[in-house]
N, C-alpha and C. Protein backbone atom coordinates (compact mmCIF):
# COMPACT_ATOMS: atom_id res chain seq x y z
N MET A 1 -6.36 -19.02 8.51
CA MET A 1 -5.42 -18.40 9.18
C MET A 1 -4.23 -18.22 8.22
N ILE A 2 -3.99 -19.04 7.55
CA ILE A 2 -2.81 -19.03 6.56
C ILE A 2 -2.85 -17.53 5.62
N TRP A 3 -3.96 -17.60 5.26
CA TRP A 3 -4.43 -16.45 4.36
C TRP A 3 -4.25 -15.28 4.68
N LEU A 4 -4.78 -14.92 5.98
CA LEU A 4 -4.33 -13.70 6.70
C LEU A 4 -2.57 -13.47 6.88
N ILE A 5 -2.07 -14.55 7.11
CA ILE A 5 -0.53 -14.44 7.21
C ILE A 5 -0.03 -13.85 6.18
N ILE A 6 -0.58 -14.69 4.96
CA ILE A 6 0.09 -14.57 3.58
C ILE A 6 -0.34 -12.98 3.12
N GLY A 7 -1.57 -12.52 3.53
CA GLY A 7 -1.99 -11.07 3.38
C GLY A 7 -1.22 -10.15 3.99
N SER A 8 -0.70 -10.56 5.13
CA SER A 8 0.19 -9.72 5.85
C SER A 8 1.35 -9.31 5.39
N LEU A 9 1.94 -10.52 4.97
CA LEU A 9 3.27 -10.54 4.50
C LEU A 9 3.34 -9.64 3.23
N THR A 10 2.26 -9.87 2.15
CA THR A 10 2.45 -9.40 1.05
C THR A 10 2.04 -7.73 1.15
N MET A 11 1.21 -7.30 2.19
CA MET A 11 1.37 -5.89 2.31
C MET A 11 2.49 -5.30 2.99
N THR A 12 3.38 -6.27 3.99
CA THR A 12 4.71 -5.90 4.44
C THR A 12 5.77 -5.48 3.42
N ILE A 13 5.74 -6.67 2.56
CA ILE A 13 6.65 -6.66 1.41
C ILE A 13 6.27 -5.30 0.55
N LEU A 14 5.24 -5.14 0.07
CA LEU A 14 4.75 -3.99 -0.80
C LEU A 14 5.18 -2.72 0.06
N ALA A 15 5.10 -2.66 1.22
CA ALA A 15 5.25 -1.35 1.89
C ALA A 15 6.69 -1.24 1.73
N ILE A 16 7.63 -2.03 2.30
CA ILE A 16 9.02 -1.93 2.18
C ILE A 16 9.64 -1.82 0.62
N LEU A 17 8.88 -2.19 -0.19
CA LEU A 17 9.30 -2.35 -1.60
C LEU A 17 9.20 -0.63 -2.42
N HIS A 18 7.85 -0.24 -1.81
CA HIS A 18 7.31 0.96 -2.13
C HIS A 18 8.21 1.92 -1.76
N SER A 19 8.76 2.01 -0.23
CA SER A 19 9.24 2.96 0.33
C SER A 19 10.78 3.04 -0.27
N TYR A 20 11.60 2.06 -0.32
CA TYR A 20 12.87 1.75 -0.83
C TYR A 20 13.26 2.16 -1.99
N ILE A 21 12.16 1.50 -3.13
CA ILE A 21 12.32 1.60 -4.63
C ILE A 21 11.75 3.09 -5.03
N GLY A 22 10.77 3.61 -4.41
CA GLY A 22 10.46 4.92 -4.40
C GLY A 22 11.32 5.97 -4.12
N GLU A 23 12.12 5.69 -3.05
CA GLU A 23 13.12 6.63 -2.54
C GLU A 23 14.06 6.66 -3.60
N THR A 24 14.77 5.35 -4.14
CA THR A 24 16.09 5.31 -4.77
C THR A 24 15.56 5.71 -6.32
N ARG A 25 14.71 5.30 -6.81
CA ARG A 25 14.42 5.48 -8.02
C ARG A 25 13.67 6.48 -8.77
N LEU A 26 12.70 7.04 -7.77
CA LEU A 26 11.84 7.84 -8.30
C LEU A 26 12.19 9.61 -7.25
N LEU A 27 12.13 9.21 -5.76
CA LEU A 27 11.90 10.59 -5.32
C LEU A 27 13.32 11.30 -5.11
N GLN A 28 14.30 10.74 -5.09
CA GLN A 28 15.73 11.45 -5.30
C GLN A 28 15.91 12.19 -6.46
N HIS A 29 15.43 11.57 -7.50
CA HIS A 29 15.63 12.12 -8.75
C HIS A 29 14.43 13.25 -8.94
N LEU A 30 13.29 13.05 -8.54
CA LEU A 30 12.21 13.81 -8.82
C LEU A 30 12.50 15.09 -7.97
N LEU A 31 12.75 14.77 -6.55
CA LEU A 31 13.00 16.14 -5.74
C LEU A 31 14.52 16.97 -6.05
N ALA A 32 15.27 16.50 -6.66
CA ALA A 32 16.57 17.10 -6.93
C ALA A 32 16.16 18.11 -8.24
N LYS A 33 15.12 18.12 -8.79
CA LYS A 33 14.82 18.98 -10.07
C LYS A 33 14.71 20.73 -9.21
N PRO A 34 15.59 21.15 -10.11
CA PRO A 34 15.36 22.63 -9.55
C PRO A 34 14.03 23.39 -9.62
N ASP A 35 13.03 23.10 -10.63
CA ASP A 35 11.98 23.89 -10.91
C ASP A 35 10.61 23.34 -9.94
N LEU A 36 11.17 22.85 -8.88
CA LEU A 36 9.96 22.37 -7.88
C LEU A 36 9.07 23.41 -7.59
N PRO A 37 7.84 23.37 -7.69
CA PRO A 37 6.89 24.48 -7.10
C PRO A 37 7.32 24.80 -5.61
N ALA A 38 7.25 25.96 -5.17
CA ALA A 38 7.68 26.50 -3.70
C ALA A 38 6.29 26.47 -3.10
N LEU A 39 6.04 25.31 -2.23
CA LEU A 39 4.91 25.27 -1.45
C LEU A 39 5.22 26.39 -0.13
N GLN A 40 4.12 27.14 0.39
CA GLN A 40 4.58 27.71 1.41
C GLN A 40 5.65 28.48 1.46
N GLY A 41 6.11 28.81 0.03
CA GLY A 41 7.25 29.71 -0.02
C GLY A 41 8.49 29.12 -0.08
N SER A 42 8.63 27.73 -0.14
CA SER A 42 9.83 26.91 0.03
C SER A 42 9.73 25.73 -0.60
N ILE A 43 11.04 25.59 -1.55
CA ILE A 43 11.03 24.27 -2.15
C ILE A 43 11.58 23.06 -1.09
N GLY A 44 11.98 23.50 0.02
CA GLY A 44 12.22 22.52 1.15
C GLY A 44 11.22 21.92 1.55
N TYR A 45 10.07 22.79 1.89
CA TYR A 45 8.97 22.51 2.21
C TYR A 45 7.94 21.58 1.14
N THR A 46 8.41 21.82 0.02
CA THR A 46 7.68 20.72 -1.14
C THR A 46 8.42 19.51 -1.09
N ARG A 47 9.65 19.56 -0.89
CA ARG A 47 10.36 18.11 -0.92
C ARG A 47 9.85 17.65 0.21
N ALA A 48 9.80 18.21 1.41
CA ALA A 48 9.41 17.46 2.63
C ALA A 48 7.87 16.72 2.30
N VAL A 49 6.98 17.48 1.97
CA VAL A 49 5.53 17.23 1.77
C VAL A 49 5.72 15.86 0.98
N VAL A 50 6.42 16.29 -0.12
CA VAL A 50 6.23 14.95 -1.24
C VAL A 50 6.65 13.82 -0.61
N ARG A 51 8.08 13.81 0.03
CA ARG A 51 8.54 12.91 0.56
C ARG A 51 7.87 12.26 1.76
N PHE A 52 7.11 12.66 2.76
CA PHE A 52 6.67 12.37 3.90
C PHE A 52 5.12 11.64 3.35
N ALA A 53 4.69 12.20 2.13
CA ALA A 53 3.26 11.49 1.71
C ALA A 53 3.53 10.43 1.02
N TRP A 54 4.84 10.18 0.58
CA TRP A 54 5.15 8.75 -0.32
C TRP A 54 5.07 7.78 1.11
N HIS A 55 6.04 8.16 1.86
CA HIS A 55 6.37 7.39 2.82
C HIS A 55 5.12 6.98 3.82
N LEU A 56 4.04 7.91 3.92
CA LEU A 56 3.27 7.76 4.66
C LEU A 56 2.18 6.53 4.12
N THR A 57 2.21 6.46 2.82
CA THR A 57 1.49 5.50 2.09
C THR A 57 1.85 3.80 2.46
N SER A 58 3.34 3.90 2.67
CA SER A 58 3.94 2.71 3.07
C SER A 58 3.69 2.25 4.61
N VAL A 59 3.39 3.49 5.53
CA VAL A 59 3.08 3.25 6.95
C VAL A 59 1.66 2.75 6.57
N ALA A 60 0.68 3.31 5.91
CA ALA A 60 -0.65 3.01 6.17
C ALA A 60 -0.78 1.36 5.62
N TRP A 61 -0.14 0.95 4.54
CA TRP A 61 -0.07 -0.44 4.13
C TRP A 61 0.46 -1.36 5.37
N LEU A 62 1.65 -0.97 6.05
CA LEU A 62 1.89 -1.75 7.20
C LEU A 62 0.76 -1.78 8.17
N GLY A 63 0.04 -0.44 8.35
CA GLY A 63 -1.31 -1.09 9.18
C GLY A 63 -2.21 -2.06 8.59
N PHE A 64 -2.36 -2.00 7.32
CA PHE A 64 -3.27 -3.11 6.72
C PHE A 64 -2.63 -4.42 7.07
N ALA A 65 -1.14 -4.47 6.88
CA ALA A 65 -0.64 -5.59 7.40
C ALA A 65 -0.95 -6.13 8.76
N ALA A 66 -0.97 -5.15 9.60
CA ALA A 66 -1.27 -5.28 11.01
C ALA A 66 -2.77 -5.82 11.40
N ILE A 67 -3.71 -5.14 10.55
CA ILE A 67 -5.01 -5.74 10.35
C ILE A 67 -5.22 -7.28 9.86
N PHE A 68 -4.74 -7.58 9.07
CA PHE A 68 -4.80 -8.96 8.75
C PHE A 68 -4.30 -9.95 9.89
N ILE A 69 -3.27 -9.53 10.64
CA ILE A 69 -2.55 -10.56 11.72
C ILE A 69 -3.92 -10.20 12.97
N ALA A 70 -4.16 -9.10 13.03
CA ALA A 70 -5.28 -8.89 14.22
C ALA A 70 -6.62 -9.62 14.13
N LEU A 71 -6.83 -9.74 12.77
CA LEU A 71 -8.15 -10.56 12.37
C LEU A 71 -7.87 -12.09 12.74
N ILE A 72 -6.68 -12.48 13.02
CA ILE A 72 -6.42 -14.06 13.51
C ILE A 72 -6.85 -14.09 14.91
N TYR A 73 -7.24 -13.19 15.70
CA TYR A 73 -7.32 -13.25 16.94
C TYR A 73 -8.89 -12.86 17.31
N ILE A 74 -9.63 -12.58 15.88
CA ILE A 74 -11.12 -12.26 16.13
C ILE A 74 -11.55 -13.36 15.65
N PRO A 75 -12.98 -13.47 16.43
CA PRO A 75 -13.69 -14.99 16.24
C PRO A 75 -14.16 -14.86 14.71
N PHE A 76 -13.98 -15.98 14.07
CA PHE A 76 -14.31 -15.75 12.60
C PHE A 76 -15.57 -15.27 12.24
N GLU A 77 -16.74 -15.42 12.87
CA GLU A 77 -17.95 -14.82 12.37
C GLU A 77 -18.06 -13.47 12.56
N GLU A 78 -17.03 -12.97 13.18
CA GLU A 78 -16.95 -11.31 13.34
C GLU A 78 -16.01 -10.76 12.14
N GLN A 79 -15.41 -11.71 11.52
CA GLN A 79 -14.15 -11.22 10.53
C GLN A 79 -14.77 -10.81 9.27
N LYS A 80 -15.95 -11.13 8.84
CA LYS A 80 -16.50 -11.06 7.72
C LYS A 80 -16.47 -9.51 6.80
N LEU A 81 -17.11 -8.48 7.69
CA LEU A 81 -17.10 -7.37 7.32
C LEU A 81 -15.95 -6.62 7.09
N ILE A 82 -14.82 -7.09 8.26
CA ILE A 82 -13.50 -6.27 7.81
C ILE A 82 -12.93 -7.01 6.40
N GLY A 83 -13.18 -8.13 6.56
CA GLY A 83 -12.54 -8.80 5.24
C GLY A 83 -13.03 -8.30 3.98
N ILE A 84 -14.41 -8.10 3.81
CA ILE A 84 -15.11 -7.37 2.80
C ILE A 84 -14.57 -5.74 2.40
N ILE A 85 -14.37 -5.12 3.68
CA ILE A 85 -13.64 -3.87 3.48
C ILE A 85 -12.43 -4.06 2.85
N LEU A 86 -11.46 -4.93 3.41
CA LEU A 86 -10.06 -4.83 2.89
C LEU A 86 -10.03 -5.41 1.46
N ALA A 87 -10.98 -6.39 1.56
CA ALA A 87 -10.87 -6.83 -0.09
C ALA A 87 -11.18 -5.89 -1.09
N GLY A 88 -12.43 -5.04 -0.93
CA GLY A 88 -12.65 -3.91 -1.69
C GLY A 88 -11.83 -3.05 -1.74
N CYS A 89 -11.00 -2.49 -0.90
CA CYS A 89 -10.10 -1.46 -0.93
C CYS A 89 -8.90 -2.09 -1.78
N PHE A 90 -8.21 -3.08 -1.39
CA PHE A 90 -7.41 -3.84 -2.19
C PHE A 90 -7.77 -4.10 -3.68
N GLY A 91 -8.81 -4.64 -3.83
CA GLY A 91 -9.40 -4.90 -5.38
C GLY A 91 -9.52 -3.54 -6.20
N LEU A 92 -9.96 -2.66 -5.57
CA LEU A 92 -10.01 -1.41 -6.22
C LEU A 92 -8.68 -0.82 -6.50
N SER A 93 -7.69 -1.04 -5.55
CA SER A 93 -6.28 -0.48 -5.72
C SER A 93 -5.91 -1.44 -7.04
N ALA A 94 -5.95 -2.72 -6.82
CA ALA A 94 -5.49 -3.51 -8.06
C ALA A 94 -5.99 -3.09 -9.54
N ILE A 95 -7.13 -2.84 -9.62
CA ILE A 95 -7.72 -2.38 -10.69
C ILE A 95 -7.14 -1.01 -10.98
N ILE A 96 -7.38 -0.08 -10.11
CA ILE A 96 -6.69 0.98 -10.41
C ILE A 96 -5.05 1.12 -10.86
N ALA A 97 -4.51 0.35 -10.22
CA ALA A 97 -2.71 0.32 -10.31
C ALA A 97 -2.67 -0.50 -11.93
N PHE A 98 -3.40 -1.30 -12.46
CA PHE A 98 -3.34 -2.04 -13.45
C PHE A 98 -3.94 -1.29 -14.58
N ALA A 99 -4.96 -0.44 -14.54
CA ALA A 99 -5.63 0.51 -15.59
C ALA A 99 -4.67 1.57 -15.75
N ALA A 100 -3.96 2.21 -14.82
CA ALA A 100 -3.41 3.56 -14.82
C ALA A 100 -2.10 3.15 -15.54
N THR A 101 -1.56 1.88 -15.44
CA THR A 101 -0.16 1.62 -15.98
C THR A 101 -0.17 0.50 -17.14
N ARG A 102 -1.38 0.25 -17.19
CA ARG A 102 -1.67 -0.87 -18.46
C ARG A 102 -0.96 -2.10 -17.89
N GLY A 103 -0.81 -2.32 -16.48
CA GLY A 103 -0.17 -3.70 -16.21
C GLY A 103 1.23 -3.46 -15.85
N ARG A 104 1.91 -2.27 -16.40
CA ARG A 104 3.16 -2.18 -16.22
C ARG A 104 3.98 -2.31 -14.75
N HIS A 105 3.45 -1.52 -13.80
CA HIS A 105 3.58 -1.24 -12.56
C HIS A 105 3.02 -2.49 -11.73
N LEU A 106 3.94 -3.22 -10.87
CA LEU A 106 3.80 -4.75 -10.55
C LEU A 106 2.91 -4.50 -9.21
N ALA A 107 2.49 -3.19 -8.82
CA ALA A 107 1.84 -3.22 -7.25
C ALA A 107 0.26 -3.78 -7.59
N TRP A 108 0.02 -3.94 -8.81
CA TRP A 108 -1.32 -4.59 -9.04
C TRP A 108 -1.60 -5.78 -8.39
N ILE A 109 -0.24 -6.75 -8.79
CA ILE A 109 -0.06 -8.11 -8.30
C ILE A 109 -0.36 -8.35 -6.87
N PHE A 110 0.42 -7.38 -6.33
CA PHE A 110 0.41 -7.59 -4.45
C PHE A 110 -1.12 -7.31 -4.07
N PHE A 111 -1.65 -6.32 -4.69
CA PHE A 111 -3.13 -5.86 -4.19
C PHE A 111 -4.07 -7.05 -4.54
N LEU A 112 -4.05 -7.53 -5.80
CA LEU A 112 -4.44 -8.63 -6.07
C LEU A 112 -4.69 -9.84 -5.02
N VAL A 113 -3.11 -10.22 -4.77
CA VAL A 113 -2.89 -11.20 -3.88
C VAL A 113 -3.65 -10.94 -2.33
N ALA A 114 -3.47 -9.46 -2.07
CA ALA A 114 -4.20 -8.95 -0.88
C ALA A 114 -5.64 -9.17 -0.92
N THR A 115 -6.14 -8.97 -1.87
CA THR A 115 -7.64 -8.98 -2.12
C THR A 115 -8.00 -10.52 -1.67
N ILE A 116 -7.31 -11.43 -2.42
CA ILE A 116 -7.56 -13.04 -2.57
C ILE A 116 -7.68 -13.30 -0.95
N CYS A 117 -6.51 -12.91 -0.32
CA CYS A 117 -6.07 -13.45 0.95
C CYS A 117 -6.97 -12.78 1.85
N ALA A 118 -7.58 -11.43 1.68
CA ALA A 118 -8.71 -10.82 2.53
C ALA A 118 -9.98 -11.68 2.56
N GLN A 119 -10.20 -12.02 1.19
CA GLN A 119 -11.45 -12.86 1.05
C GLN A 119 -11.44 -14.28 1.48
N MET A 120 -10.44 -14.99 1.24
CA MET A 120 -10.45 -16.31 1.75
C MET A 120 -10.14 -16.74 3.09
N GLY A 121 -9.41 -15.54 3.73
CA GLY A 121 -9.02 -15.72 5.09
C GLY A 121 -10.16 -15.08 5.92
N THR A 122 -10.97 -14.46 5.63
CA THR A 122 -12.35 -13.94 6.37
C THR A 122 -13.61 -14.59 5.64
N GLY A 123 -13.52 -15.12 4.61
CA GLY A 123 -15.04 -15.61 3.83
C GLY A 123 -15.33 -16.78 4.28
């Protein structure tokens, strides 16, 4: 059970950091550029799409955090497949984040912890 709680906290922290740091250090600067493409004929629309797509990622990670908690209430024998799926998703995310940034972006660490938690908590 402790692995599932740690996994949930890991994904919650990642979601919060992603939205806050992404908004303050990336999106505000990126979306202030005057040369953004005008999707649907509007730069305002472009800004809205980029911003909501960014934050929807955080919402998805909060959903994963909720799945970790929900697993606590599922009989242990029935957790295995969900654990494999979670571990696979987070493991692949860790590899991609590490490879794409050569380890400089710290998200890979959160994904690796979530991978371990999914495996240990359901395995």
